[in-house]
């Protein structure tokens, strides 16, 4: 499998295609059902790319924002549904999307039982 991936990357680079990296980011927002079995992070703060060190967990009174992100990935594994309606700190890979950016969740931490 690895040789196939390497060949694809070499072919893409030779064709002049650029690979867009997906940054690992953190953000704070409210977990909401999308009504179709999925979840979004609403009132999300602007995602911040991680530097070399993982930041400390923000306090429960950290300000919310105006973004909405579609949560994707292994949401059951991270227990995202248990956080519905709650304020959370989420970490994941940010992938620009249309109409919503996608956040492939790698961790989620509840900050408050209500999203205020």
C-alpha atoms as a PDB file:
ATOM      1  CA  UNK A   1       0.000   0.000   0.000  1.00  0.00           C
ATOM      2  CA  UNK A   2       2.820   2.394   0.899  1.00  0.00           C
ATOM      3  CA  UNK A   3       4.402   2.154  -2.594  1.00  0.00           C
ATOM      4  CA  UNK A   4       1.026   3.053  -4.153  1.00  0.00           C
ATOM      5  CA  UNK A   5       0.706   6.155  -1.950  1.00  0.00           C
ATOM      6  CA  UNK A   6       4.285   7.189  -2.672  1.00  0.00           C
ATOM      7  CA  UNK A   7       3.713   6.755  -6.408  1.00  0.00           C
ATOM      8  CA  UNK A   8       0.560   8.878  -6.221  1.00  0.00           C
ATOM      9  CA  UNK A   9       2.401  11.659  -4.381  1.00  0.00           C
ATOM     10  CA  UNK A  10       5.277  11.618  -6.856  1.00  0.00           C
ATOM     11  CA  UNK A  11       2.831  11.704  -9.784  1.00  0.00           C
ATOM     12  CA  UNK A  12       0.916  14.594  -8.190  1.00  0.00           C
ATOM     13  CA  UNK A  13       4.080  16.575  -7.597  1.00  0.00           C
ATOM     14  CA  UNK A  14       5.304  15.872 -11.122  1.00  0.00           C
ATOM     15  CA  UNK A  15       1.985  17.117 -12.486  1.00  0.00           C
ATOM     16  CA  UNK A  16       2.476  20.392 -10.634  1.00  0.00           C
ATOM     17  CA  UNK A  17      -0.305  19.798  -8.127  1.00  0.00           C
ATOM     18  CA  UNK A  18       0.185  21.179  -4.666  1.00  0.00           C
ATOM     19  CA  UNK A  19      -0.880  19.306  -1.575  1.00  0.00           C
ATOM     20  CA  UNK A  20      -2.729  21.539   0.869  1.00  0.00           C
ATOM     21  CA  UNK A  21      -1.876  20.616   4.449  1.00  0.00           C
ATOM     22  CA  UNK A  22      -4.724  20.426   6.936  1.00  0.00           C
ATOM     23  CA  UNK A  23      -3.626  22.238  10.084  1.00  0.00           C
ATOM     24  CA  UNK A  24      -4.314  20.842  13.537  1.00  0.00           C
ATOM     25  CA  UNK A  25      -6.359  23.461  15.351  1.00  0.00           C
ATOM     26  CA  UNK A  26      -8.217  24.102  18.581  1.00  0.00           C
ATOM     27  CA  UNK A  27     -11.432  26.042  19.026  1.00  0.00           C
ATOM     28  CA  UNK A  28     -14.213  26.570  21.551  1.00  0.00           C
ATOM     29  CA  UNK A  29     -17.886  26.292  20.618  1.00  0.00           C
ATOM     30  CA  UNK A  30     -21.273  24.663  21.212  1.00  0.00           C
ATOM     31  CA  UNK A  31     -22.028  21.115  20.060  1.00  0.00           C
ATOM     32  CA  UNK A  32     -25.359  20.966  18.229  1.00  0.00           C
ATOM     33  CA  UNK A  33     -27.136  18.225  16.286  1.00  0.00           C
ATOM     34  CA  UNK A  34     -27.399  18.925  12.568  1.00  0.00           C
ATOM     35  CA  UNK A  35     -30.766  17.126  12.433  1.00  0.00           C
ATOM     36  CA  UNK A  36     -29.380  14.406  10.150  1.00  0.00           C
ATOM     37  CA  UNK A  37     -27.447  12.292  12.656  1.00  0.00           C
ATOM     38  CA  UNK A  38     -24.354  14.491  12.596  1.00  0.00           C
ATOM     39  CA  UNK A  39     -23.058  17.365  14.667  1.00  0.00           C
ATOM     40  CA  UNK A  40     -21.819  20.902  14.214  1.00  0.00           C
ATOM     41  CA  UNK A  41     -19.787  23.183  16.423  1.00  0.00           C
ATOM     42  CA  UNK A  42     -21.763  26.432  16.485  1.00  0.00           C
ATOM     43  CA  UNK A  43     -20.771  29.821  17.875  1.00  0.00           C
ATOM     44  CA  UNK A  44     -17.202  28.592  17.464  1.00  0.00           C
ATOM     45  CA  UNK A  45     -14.223  30.839  18.059  1.00  0.00           C
ATOM     46  CA  UNK A  46     -11.815  31.282  15.149  1.00  0.00           C
ATOM     47  CA  UNK A  47      -9.761  28.047  15.009  1.00  0.00           C
ATOM     48  CA  UNK A  48      -6.167  28.516  16.173  1.00  0.00           C
ATOM     49  CA  UNK A  49      -3.399  26.397  14.653  1.00  0.00           C
ATOM     50  CA  UNK A  50      -1.401  24.450  17.204  1.00  0.00           C
ATOM     51  CA  UNK A  51       2.185  25.446  17.723  1.00  0.00           C
ATOM     52  CA  UNK A  52       4.829  23.136  19.094  1.00  0.00           C
ATOM     53  CA  UNK A  53       3.076  22.794  22.467  1.00  0.00           C
ATOM     54  CA  UNK A  54      -0.516  21.908  23.279  1.00  0.00           C
ATOM     55  CA  UNK A  55      -2.170  24.921  24.972  1.00  0.00           C
ATOM     56  CA  UNK A  56      -3.769  24.643  28.398  1.00  0.00           C
ATOM     57  CA  UNK A  57      -7.488  23.882  28.531  1.00  0.00           C
ATOM     58  CA  UNK A  58      -9.319  27.233  28.405  1.00  0.00           C
ATOM     59  CA  UNK A  59     -11.553  28.353  31.268  1.00  0.00           C
ATOM     60  CA  UNK A  60     -15.316  27.858  31.096  1.00  0.00           C
ATOM     61  CA  UNK A  61     -15.873  31.595  30.571  1.00  0.00           C
ATOM     62  CA  UNK A  62     -13.779  31.811  27.403  1.00  0.00           C
ATOM     63  CA  UNK A  63     -15.589  33.808  24.710  1.00  0.00           C
ATOM     64  CA  UNK A  64     -17.492  32.102  21.919  1.00  0.00           C
ATOM     65  CA  UNK A  65     -17.327  33.197  18.293  1.00  0.00           C
ATOM     66  CA  UNK A  66     -19.457  33.319  15.163  1.00  0.00           C
ATOM     67  CA  UNK A  67     -18.206  30.339  13.110  1.00  0.00           C
ATOM     68  CA  UNK A  68     -19.993  27.061  12.455  1.00  0.00           C
ATOM     69  CA  UNK A  69     -17.916  23.951  11.756  1.00  0.00           C
ATOM     70  CA  UNK A  70     -19.167  20.526  10.642  1.00  0.00           C
ATOM     71  CA  UNK A  71     -17.769  17.879  12.997  1.00  0.00           C
ATOM     72  CA  UNK A  72     -16.511  14.782  11.200  1.00  0.00           C
ATOM     73  CA  UNK A  73     -14.438  11.701  11.977  1.00  0.00           C
ATOM     74  CA  UNK A  74     -14.917   9.061  14.637  1.00  0.00           C
ATOM     75  CA  UNK A  75     -17.424  11.114  16.632  1.00  0.00           C
ATOM     76  CA  UNK A  76     -18.777   8.097  18.532  1.00  0.00           C
ATOM     77  CA  UNK A  77     -15.273   7.263  19.755  1.00  0.00           C
ATOM     78  CA  UNK A  78     -14.936  10.751  21.227  1.00  0.00           C
ATOM     79  CA  UNK A  79     -18.458  10.770  22.698  1.00  0.00           C
ATOM     80  CA  UNK A  80     -19.494  13.897  20.818  1.00  0.00           C
ATOM     81  CA  UNK A  81     -23.213  13.181  21.258  1.00  0.00           C
ATOM     82  CA  UNK A  82     -22.801  13.390  25.060  1.00  0.00           C
ATOM     83  CA  UNK A  83     -21.664  17.009  24.611  1.00  0.00           C
ATOM     84  CA  UNK A  84     -24.767  18.178  22.699  1.00  0.00           C
ATOM     85  CA  UNK A  85     -25.854  21.608  23.954  1.00  0.00           C
ATOM     86  CA  UNK A  86     -22.632  22.056  25.927  1.00  0.00           C
ATOM     87  CA  UNK A  87     -19.645  24.371  25.596  1.00  0.00           C
ATOM     88  CA  UNK A  88     -16.567  22.426  24.518  1.00  0.00           C
ATOM     89  CA  UNK A  89     -12.932  22.820  23.559  1.00  0.00           C
ATOM     90  CA  UNK A  90     -12.279  20.804  20.405  1.00  0.00           C
ATOM     91  CA  UNK A  91      -9.069  19.830  18.651  1.00  0.00           C
ATOM     92  CA  UNK A  92      -8.808  18.402  15.152  1.00  0.00           C
ATOM     93  CA  UNK A  93      -7.757  18.706  11.541  1.00  0.00           C
ATOM     94  CA  UNK A  94      -9.317  21.698   9.795  1.00  0.00           C
ATOM     95  CA  UNK A  95     -10.410  21.092   6.232  1.00  0.00           C
ATOM     96  CA  UNK A  96     -11.963  23.999   4.291  1.00  0.00           C
ATOM     97  CA  UNK A  97     -15.377  23.020   2.974  1.00  0.00           C
ATOM     98  CA  UNK A  98     -18.438  24.476   1.329  1.00  0.00           C
ATOM     99  CA  UNK A  99     -20.746  25.581   2.866  1.00  0.00           C
ATOM    100  CA  UNK A 100     -19.038  24.707   6.193  1.00  0.00           C
ATOM    101  CA  UNK A 101     -15.430  24.037   7.110  1.00  0.00           C
ATOM    102  CA  UNK A 102     -14.917  20.513   8.435  1.00  0.00           C
ATOM    103  CA  UNK A 103     -13.269  19.730  11.758  1.00  0.00           C
ATOM    104  CA  UNK A 104     -12.031  16.135  11.892  1.00  0.00           C
ATOM    105  CA  UNK A 105     -12.186  15.734  15.662  1.00  0.00           C
ATOM    106  CA  UNK A 106      -9.156  14.325  17.486  1.00  0.00           C
ATOM    107  CA  UNK A 107     -10.240  15.354  20.996  1.00  0.00           C
ATOM    108  CA  UNK A 108     -13.079  17.146  22.732  1.00  0.00           C
ATOM    109  CA  UNK A 109     -13.271  18.477  26.291  1.00  0.00           C
ATOM    110  CA  UNK A 110     -16.405  19.802  27.984  1.00  0.00           C
ATOM    111  CA  UNK A 111     -15.935  23.290  29.430  1.00  0.00           C
ATOM    112  CA  UNK A 112     -19.469  23.987  30.680  1.00  0.00           C
ATOM    113  CA  UNK A 113     -22.833  22.205  30.902  1.00  0.00           C
ATOM    114  CA  UNK A 114     -24.561  25.083  29.116  1.00  0.00           C
ATOM    115  CA  UNK A 115     -23.381  26.911  26.048  1.00  0.00           C
ATOM    116  CA  UNK A 116     -23.299  30.527  27.182  1.00  0.00           C
END
